[in-house]
Amino acid sequence: MITTLLDHVAIRTVVIPVIATAYAATIPPKEKPFPSTGDRFLMSVRGPVAGGRAGFARVYASPAGRDRWTTTVTCGTVDARGRERIELQAPGEAWRDRDGLGGTWTPLGGGGRYGERQLRVWSVTRQDGLDVTVAMAGPCPSGAGDVSSGD
């Protein structure tokens, strides 16, 4: 009996599409992840502890066009008392594409050793709201962090 009812032309062409449309209308639209176009942001990353010091990284970003930002990347270590030692500060850029949020930076200065002036990369490998997991090229740490408006 149910099979016969579902085979009826009016049920297949009118009732089922109306029910499906009504159900789809109750699903809230997916929010765009922060940051999005035009947002300033600060991303902080916490790295592992080694020798009594924990690694950290911060990416300060200002809008520079559609889904692009100019950045300053700062990396270093912090001791148990909260004293920071900056090991790197470099300009870079960031973007958001279908793969997510990522960026590059170029270390400044250097004594001529191979790789000191090479482009370095970072990427958000997971984002849940404002909580992120970030993979960064050395000397910056990879790890858990958060993204905020910096206010």
N, C-alpha and C. Protein backbone atom coordinates (compact mmCIF):
# COMPACT_ATOMS: atom_id res chain seq x y z
N MET A 1 0.82 -1.19 0.00
CA MET A 1 0.00 0.00 0.00
C MET A 1 0.87 1.27 0.00
N ILE A 2 1.90 1.30 0.84
CA ILE A 2 2.78 2.47 0.87
C ILE A 2 3.51 2.60 -0.46
N THR A 3 3.95 1.48 -1.02
CA THR A 3 4.61 1.52 -2.32
C THR A 3 3.70 2.09 -3.39
N THR A 4 2.46 1.69 -3.36
CA THR A 4 1.49 2.21 -4.33
C THR A 4 1.30 3.70 -4.14
N LEU A 5 1.23 4.14 -2.89
CA LEU A 5 1.05 5.57 -2.59
C LEU A 5 2.25 6.37 -3.09
N LEU A 6 3.48 5.87 -2.82
CA LEU A 6 4.68 6.58 -3.25
C LEU A 6 4.86 6.57 -4.76
N ASP A 7 4.26 5.61 -5.45
CA ASP A 7 4.34 5.54 -6.90
C ASP A 7 3.38 6.50 -7.59
N HIS A 8 2.48 7.08 -6.86
CA HIS A 8 1.49 7.99 -7.45
C HIS A 8 2.22 9.22 -7.98
N VAL A 9 1.88 9.67 -9.18
CA VAL A 9 2.54 10.78 -9.86
C VAL A 9 2.48 12.06 -9.04
N ALA A 10 1.36 12.38 -8.45
CA ALA A 10 1.21 13.62 -7.67
C ALA A 10 2.13 13.60 -6.45
N ILE A 11 2.30 12.45 -5.83
CA ILE A 11 3.18 12.34 -4.66
C ILE A 11 4.62 12.58 -5.10
N ARG A 12 5.04 11.95 -6.18
CA ARG A 12 6.43 12.07 -6.65
C ARG A 12 6.75 13.45 -7.18
N THR A 13 5.82 14.10 -7.83
CA THR A 13 6.12 15.37 -8.49
C THR A 13 5.79 16.60 -7.67
N VAL A 14 4.92 16.47 -6.66
CA VAL A 14 4.51 17.64 -5.89
C VAL A 14 4.86 17.49 -4.42
N VAL A 15 4.35 16.47 -3.77
CA VAL A 15 4.47 16.35 -2.31
C VAL A 15 5.91 16.16 -1.87
N ILE A 16 6.63 15.22 -2.45
CA ILE A 16 8.00 14.95 -2.02
C ILE A 16 8.90 16.17 -2.25
N PRO A 17 8.87 16.84 -3.41
CA PRO A 17 9.69 18.06 -3.57
C PRO A 17 9.32 19.17 -2.59
N VAL A 18 8.04 19.32 -2.26
CA VAL A 18 7.63 20.35 -1.30
C VAL A 18 8.19 20.03 0.08
N ILE A 19 8.11 18.77 0.48
CA ILE A 19 8.66 18.38 1.79
C ILE A 19 10.17 18.59 1.82
N ALA A 20 10.87 18.21 0.76
CA ALA A 20 12.32 18.38 0.70
C ALA A 20 12.71 19.85 0.74
N THR A 21 11.98 20.70 0.04
CA THR A 21 12.26 22.14 0.04
C THR A 21 12.01 22.74 1.42
N ALA A 22 10.93 22.33 2.07
CA ALA A 22 10.62 22.83 3.41
C ALA A 22 11.71 22.41 4.40
N TYR A 23 12.20 21.18 4.28
CA TYR A 23 13.26 20.70 5.17
C TYR A 23 14.54 21.50 4.93
N ALA A 24 14.90 21.71 3.67
CA ALA A 24 16.11 22.45 3.35
C ALA A 24 16.04 23.88 3.86
N ALA A 25 14.86 24.47 3.88
CA ALA A 25 14.70 25.84 4.37
C ALA A 25 14.94 25.95 5.87
N THR A 26 14.80 24.85 6.61
CA THR A 26 15.01 24.89 8.06
C THR A 26 16.48 24.78 8.44
N ILE A 27 17.35 24.39 7.50
CA ILE A 27 18.77 24.27 7.78
C ILE A 27 19.39 25.66 7.69
N PRO A 28 20.03 26.13 8.79
CA PRO A 28 20.62 27.47 8.74
C PRO A 28 21.78 27.52 7.75
N PRO A 29 21.99 28.68 7.11
CA PRO A 29 23.10 28.78 6.15
C PRO A 29 24.43 28.64 6.89
N LYS A 30 25.41 28.03 6.23
CA LYS A 30 26.72 27.84 6.83
C LYS A 30 27.42 29.19 6.93
N GLU A 31 27.92 29.50 8.14
CA GLU A 31 28.63 30.76 8.34
C GLU A 31 29.99 30.70 7.67
N LYS A 32 30.42 31.85 7.14
CA LYS A 32 31.77 31.93 6.58
C LYS A 32 32.74 31.90 7.75
N PRO A 33 33.84 31.16 7.62
CA PRO A 33 34.80 31.11 8.72
C PRO A 33 35.51 32.45 8.89
N PHE A 34 35.88 32.76 10.13
CA PHE A 34 36.67 33.95 10.42
C PHE A 34 38.13 33.58 10.22
N PRO A 35 38.94 34.41 9.64
CA PRO A 35 38.63 35.69 9.03
C PRO A 35 38.08 35.52 7.62
N SER A 36 37.31 36.52 7.22
CA SER A 36 36.83 36.55 5.84
C SER A 36 37.22 37.90 5.24
N THR A 37 36.82 38.14 4.03
CA THR A 37 37.21 39.34 3.29
C THR A 37 37.07 40.60 4.14
N GLY A 38 38.14 41.38 4.22
CA GLY A 38 38.10 42.66 4.92
C GLY A 38 38.39 42.59 6.41
N ASP A 39 38.51 41.40 7.00
CA ASP A 39 38.78 41.27 8.45
C ASP A 39 40.27 41.39 8.73
N ARG A 40 40.60 42.13 9.79
CA ARG A 40 41.95 42.06 10.36
C ARG A 40 41.94 40.84 11.27
N PHE A 41 43.10 40.21 11.44
CA PHE A 41 43.12 39.11 12.39
C PHE A 41 44.50 38.92 13.01
N LEU A 42 44.48 38.26 14.16
CA LEU A 42 45.67 37.84 14.87
C LEU A 42 45.54 36.35 15.09
N MET A 43 46.53 35.59 14.67
CA MET A 43 46.53 34.15 14.92
C MET A 43 47.70 33.84 15.85
N SER A 44 47.41 33.16 16.95
CA SER A 44 48.43 32.76 17.92
C SER A 44 48.55 31.25 17.91
N VAL A 45 49.78 30.76 17.90
CA VAL A 45 50.05 29.32 17.88
C VAL A 45 50.95 28.99 19.06
N ARG A 46 50.63 27.90 19.75
CA ARG A 46 51.44 27.43 20.87
C ARG A 46 52.16 26.15 20.46
N GLY A 47 53.47 26.14 20.64
CA GLY A 47 54.26 24.97 20.27
C GLY A 47 54.65 24.16 21.49
N PRO A 48 55.36 23.06 21.26
CA PRO A 48 55.76 22.18 22.36
C PRO A 48 56.83 22.82 23.25
N VAL A 49 56.92 22.31 24.47
CA VAL A 49 57.92 22.77 25.43
C VAL A 49 59.19 21.94 25.24
N ALA A 50 60.33 22.62 25.20
CA ALA A 50 61.62 21.94 25.10
C ALA A 50 62.63 22.74 25.91
N GLY A 51 63.31 22.09 26.83
CA GLY A 51 64.32 22.77 27.64
C GLY A 51 63.75 23.88 28.49
N GLY A 52 62.53 23.73 28.97
CA GLY A 52 61.91 24.73 29.83
C GLY A 52 61.33 25.92 29.09
N ARG A 53 61.34 25.89 27.78
CA ARG A 53 60.79 26.98 26.99
C ARG A 53 59.77 26.42 26.00
N ALA A 54 58.68 27.14 25.81
CA ALA A 54 57.65 26.74 24.86
C ALA A 54 57.75 27.61 23.61
N GLY A 55 57.52 27.01 22.46
CA GLY A 55 57.53 27.77 21.22
C GLY A 55 56.21 28.52 21.04
N PHE A 56 56.28 29.64 20.36
CA PHE A 56 55.06 30.39 20.03
C PHE A 56 55.23 31.03 18.66
N ALA A 57 54.11 31.34 18.05
CA ALA A 57 54.10 32.09 16.79
C ALA A 57 52.87 32.97 16.79
N ARG A 58 53.00 34.14 16.19
CA ARG A 58 51.87 35.05 16.01
C ARG A 58 51.89 35.56 14.58
N VAL A 59 50.72 35.61 13.99
CA VAL A 59 50.57 36.17 12.64
C VAL A 59 49.61 37.34 12.76
N TYR A 60 50.12 38.56 12.53
CA TYR A 60 49.30 39.77 12.52
C TYR A 60 48.94 40.04 11.06
N ALA A 61 47.65 40.25 10.76
CA ALA A 61 47.25 40.38 9.36
C ALA A 61 46.31 41.56 9.14
N SER A 62 46.56 42.29 8.06
CA SER A 62 45.71 43.41 7.63
C SER A 62 45.21 43.14 6.22
N PRO A 63 43.95 43.50 5.93
CA PRO A 63 43.38 43.22 4.61
C PRO A 63 44.19 43.86 3.48
N ALA A 64 44.30 43.13 2.38
CA ALA A 64 45.00 43.63 1.19
C ALA A 64 44.31 43.08 -0.05
N GLY A 65 43.05 43.42 -0.21
CA GLY A 65 42.31 42.92 -1.36
C GLY A 65 41.35 41.82 -0.97
N ARG A 66 40.77 41.20 -1.97
CA ARG A 66 39.76 40.16 -1.74
C ARG A 66 40.42 38.87 -1.25
N ASP A 67 40.07 38.45 -0.04
CA ASP A 67 40.59 37.22 0.56
C ASP A 67 42.11 37.17 0.61
N ARG A 68 42.75 38.33 0.76
CA ARG A 68 44.21 38.40 0.89
C ARG A 68 44.56 39.36 2.02
N TRP A 69 45.72 39.13 2.64
CA TRP A 69 46.18 39.95 3.74
C TRP A 69 47.69 40.13 3.64
N THR A 70 48.19 41.28 4.13
CA THR A 70 49.62 41.42 4.38
C THR A 70 49.83 41.03 5.83
N THR A 71 50.95 40.37 6.12
CA THR A 71 51.15 39.83 7.46
C THR A 71 52.52 40.19 8.00
N THR A 72 52.63 40.09 9.32
CA THR A 72 53.90 40.07 10.02
C THR A 72 53.89 38.80 10.85
N VAL A 73 54.88 37.95 10.63
CA VAL A 73 54.99 36.69 11.36
C VAL A 73 56.07 36.87 12.43
N THR A 74 55.74 36.55 13.67
CA THR A 74 56.66 36.63 14.79
C THR A 74 56.73 35.26 15.46
N CYS A 75 57.94 34.74 15.64
CA CYS A 75 58.11 33.43 16.28
C CYS A 75 59.19 33.53 17.34
N GLY A 76 59.09 32.66 18.33
CA GLY A 76 60.09 32.64 19.37
C GLY A 76 59.76 31.61 20.43
N THR A 77 60.34 31.83 21.62
CA THR A 77 60.08 30.95 22.75
C THR A 77 59.70 31.79 23.96
N VAL A 78 59.05 31.15 24.90
CA VAL A 78 58.64 31.83 26.13
C VAL A 78 58.97 30.91 27.30
N ASP A 79 59.49 31.49 28.41
CA ASP A 79 59.81 30.67 29.57
C ASP A 79 58.61 30.59 30.52
N ALA A 80 58.79 29.88 31.62
CA ALA A 80 57.69 29.66 32.57
C ALA A 80 57.20 30.96 33.20
N ARG A 81 58.03 31.99 33.22
CA ARG A 81 57.64 33.29 33.79
C ARG A 81 56.97 34.21 32.77
N GLY A 82 56.86 33.75 31.53
CA GLY A 82 56.20 34.55 30.51
C GLY A 82 57.13 35.45 29.72
N ARG A 83 58.44 35.34 29.95
CA ARG A 83 59.40 36.17 29.21
C ARG A 83 59.62 35.58 27.83
N GLU A 84 59.43 36.41 26.82
CA GLU A 84 59.55 35.96 25.44
C GLU A 84 60.92 36.28 24.86
N ARG A 85 61.39 35.37 24.01
CA ARG A 85 62.60 35.62 23.23
C ARG A 85 62.19 35.49 21.76
N ILE A 86 62.23 36.60 21.04
CA ILE A 86 61.85 36.63 19.63
C ILE A 86 63.00 36.06 18.81
N GLU A 87 62.70 35.06 17.98
CA GLU A 87 63.71 34.46 17.13
C GLU A 87 63.55 34.85 15.66
N LEU A 88 62.34 35.28 15.30
CA LEU A 88 62.09 35.63 13.91
C LEU A 88 60.95 36.63 13.84
N GLN A 89 61.12 37.63 13.01
CA GLN A 89 60.03 38.53 12.67
C GLN A 89 60.18 38.81 11.18
N ALA A 90 59.11 38.54 10.42
CA ALA A 90 59.23 38.62 8.97
C ALA A 90 57.93 39.07 8.32
N PRO A 91 58.03 39.79 7.20
CA PRO A 91 56.83 40.17 6.45
C PRO A 91 56.34 38.99 5.61
N GLY A 92 55.06 39.03 5.28
CA GLY A 92 54.52 37.96 4.44
C GLY A 92 53.15 38.32 3.93
N GLU A 93 52.46 37.31 3.45
CA GLU A 93 51.09 37.49 2.98
C GLU A 93 50.29 36.24 3.33
N ALA A 94 48.99 36.42 3.35
CA ALA A 94 48.08 35.30 3.64
C ALA A 94 46.90 35.37 2.68
N TRP A 95 46.19 34.26 2.56
CA TRP A 95 45.03 34.19 1.69
C TRP A 95 44.08 33.12 2.20
N ARG A 96 42.85 33.21 1.74
CA ARG A 96 41.87 32.16 1.99
C ARG A 96 41.37 31.71 0.62
N ASP A 97 41.46 30.41 0.39
CA ASP A 97 40.92 29.83 -0.84
C ASP A 97 40.09 28.61 -0.46
N ARG A 98 39.71 27.80 -1.44
CA ARG A 98 38.84 26.66 -1.13
C ARG A 98 39.51 25.65 -0.22
N ASP A 99 40.85 25.67 -0.15
CA ASP A 99 41.57 24.75 0.73
C ASP A 99 41.67 25.28 2.15
N GLY A 100 41.38 26.56 2.38
CA GLY A 100 41.44 27.12 3.72
C GLY A 100 42.35 28.33 3.79
N LEU A 101 42.82 28.61 5.00
CA LEU A 101 43.64 29.78 5.28
C LEU A 101 45.11 29.37 5.28
N GLY A 102 45.94 30.14 4.59
CA GLY A 102 47.37 29.84 4.55
C GLY A 102 48.16 31.08 4.23
N GLY A 103 49.48 30.95 4.27
CA GLY A 103 50.30 32.11 3.98
C GLY A 103 51.77 31.77 3.82
N THR A 104 52.55 32.81 3.55
CA THR A 104 54.00 32.68 3.39
C THR A 104 54.68 33.83 4.11
N TRP A 105 55.96 33.67 4.36
CA TRP A 105 56.78 34.76 4.84
C TRP A 105 58.20 34.53 4.37
N THR A 106 58.99 35.61 4.33
CA THR A 106 60.38 35.53 3.92
C THR A 106 61.23 36.09 5.05
N PRO A 107 62.10 35.26 5.66
CA PRO A 107 62.97 35.76 6.72
C PRO A 107 63.86 36.89 6.21
N LEU A 108 64.11 37.87 7.06
CA LEU A 108 64.96 39.00 6.70
C LEU A 108 66.38 38.77 7.20
N GLY A 109 67.35 39.39 6.55
CA GLY A 109 68.74 39.30 7.00
C GLY A 109 69.33 37.94 6.68
N GLY A 110 70.23 37.51 7.51
CA GLY A 110 70.84 36.19 7.33
C GLY A 110 72.30 36.31 6.96
N GLY A 111 73.04 35.25 7.24
CA GLY A 111 74.47 35.25 7.01
C GLY A 111 74.90 34.50 5.78
N GLY A 112 73.98 34.19 4.87
CA GLY A 112 74.37 33.55 3.64
C GLY A 112 74.23 32.04 3.62
N ARG A 113 73.83 31.43 4.72
CA ARG A 113 73.65 29.97 4.70
C ARG A 113 72.47 29.61 3.82
N TYR A 114 72.49 28.43 3.25
CA TYR A 114 71.42 27.99 2.35
C TYR A 114 70.08 27.98 3.07
N GLY A 115 69.08 28.52 2.41
CA GLY A 115 67.73 28.45 2.93
C GLY A 115 67.29 29.62 3.79
N GLU A 116 68.21 30.50 4.20
CA GLU A 116 67.81 31.58 5.09
C GLU A 116 66.87 32.58 4.44
N ARG A 117 66.97 32.73 3.14
CA ARG A 117 66.12 33.69 2.45
C ARG A 117 65.01 33.02 1.66
N GLN A 118 64.84 31.73 1.83
CA GLN A 118 63.79 31.04 1.10
C GLN A 118 62.42 31.36 1.69
N LEU A 119 61.44 31.35 0.82
CA LEU A 119 60.06 31.56 1.20
C LEU A 119 59.62 30.44 2.14
N ARG A 120 58.99 30.80 3.25
CA ARG A 120 58.48 29.83 4.23
C ARG A 120 56.97 29.85 4.19
N VAL A 121 56.33 28.75 4.57
CA VAL A 121 54.88 28.64 4.48
C VAL A 121 54.25 28.27 5.82
N TRP A 122 52.97 28.60 5.94
CA TRP A 122 52.14 28.13 7.05
C TRP A 122 50.75 27.87 6.50
N SER A 123 50.02 26.99 7.18
CA SER A 123 48.65 26.72 6.77
C SER A 123 47.83 26.25 7.97
N VAL A 124 46.57 26.63 7.95
CA VAL A 124 45.63 26.16 8.96
C VAL A 124 45.16 24.79 8.48
N THR A 125 45.48 23.75 9.25
CA THR A 125 45.11 22.39 8.85
C THR A 125 43.75 21.98 9.40
N ARG A 126 43.28 22.70 10.42
CA ARG A 126 41.95 22.43 10.97
C ARG A 126 41.45 23.72 11.60
N GLN A 127 40.17 24.03 11.40
CA GLN A 127 39.57 25.19 12.04
C GLN A 127 38.20 24.81 12.55
N ASP A 128 37.98 25.05 13.85
CA ASP A 128 36.69 24.81 14.49
C ASP A 128 36.32 26.11 15.18
N GLY A 129 35.55 26.95 14.51
CA GLY A 129 35.24 28.27 15.06
C GLY A 129 36.51 29.11 15.07
N LEU A 130 36.93 29.54 16.26
CA LEU A 130 38.15 30.34 16.39
C LEU A 130 39.36 29.51 16.79
N ASP A 131 39.16 28.21 17.06
CA ASP A 131 40.26 27.31 17.39
C ASP A 131 40.86 26.76 16.11
N VAL A 132 42.20 26.78 16.03
CA VAL A 132 42.87 26.32 14.82
C VAL A 132 44.03 25.38 15.16
N THR A 133 44.39 24.55 14.21
CA THR A 133 45.63 23.79 14.25
C THR A 133 46.43 24.28 13.05
N VAL A 134 47.69 24.65 13.31
CA VAL A 134 48.49 25.32 12.29
C VAL A 134 49.79 24.55 12.06
N ALA A 135 50.14 24.36 10.80
CA ALA A 135 51.44 23.79 10.41
C ALA A 135 52.29 24.94 9.89
N MET A 136 53.48 25.12 10.49
CA MET A 136 54.36 26.22 10.10
C MET A 136 55.76 25.68 9.81
N ALA A 137 56.44 26.31 8.86
CA ALA A 137 57.84 25.98 8.59
C ALA A 137 58.70 26.54 9.72
N GLY A 138 59.83 25.87 9.99
CA GLY A 138 60.74 26.31 11.03
C GLY A 138 61.34 27.67 10.72
N PRO A 139 61.73 28.39 11.72
CA PRO A 139 61.84 28.01 13.12
C PRO A 139 60.54 28.17 13.91
N CYS A 140 59.46 28.51 13.24
CA CYS A 140 58.19 28.68 13.95
C CYS A 140 57.60 27.31 14.31
N PRO A 141 56.88 27.23 15.44
CA PRO A 141 56.31 25.94 15.84
C PRO A 141 54.99 25.66 15.13
N SER A 142 54.67 24.40 15.01
CA SER A 142 53.35 23.97 14.57
C SER A 142 52.59 23.56 15.82
N GLY A 143 51.27 23.73 15.81
CA GLY A 143 50.50 23.32 16.97
C GLY A 143 49.13 23.94 17.00
N ALA A 144 48.51 23.83 18.17
CA ALA A 144 47.17 24.37 18.38
C ALA A 144 47.26 25.87 18.62
N GLY A 145 46.19 26.56 18.29
CA GLY A 145 46.16 28.00 18.50
C GLY A 145 44.76 28.54 18.35
N ASP A 146 44.70 29.85 18.18
CA ASP A 146 43.40 30.49 17.99
C ASP A 146 43.57 31.69 17.09
N VAL A 147 42.45 32.09 16.51
CA VAL A 147 42.43 33.26 15.64
C VAL A 147 41.41 34.23 16.21
N SER A 148 41.75 35.52 16.19
CA SER A 148 40.85 36.54 16.74
C SER A 148 40.97 37.81 15.92
N SER A 149 40.13 38.78 16.26
CA SER A 149 40.19 40.07 15.58
C SER A 149 41.35 40.91 16.09
N GLY A 150 42.01 40.48 17.14
CA GLY A 150 43.14 41.21 17.69
C GLY A 150 42.74 42.34 18.62
N ASP A 151 41.44 42.53 18.83
CA ASP A 151 40.97 43.60 19.72
C ASP A 151 41.10 43.19 21.17
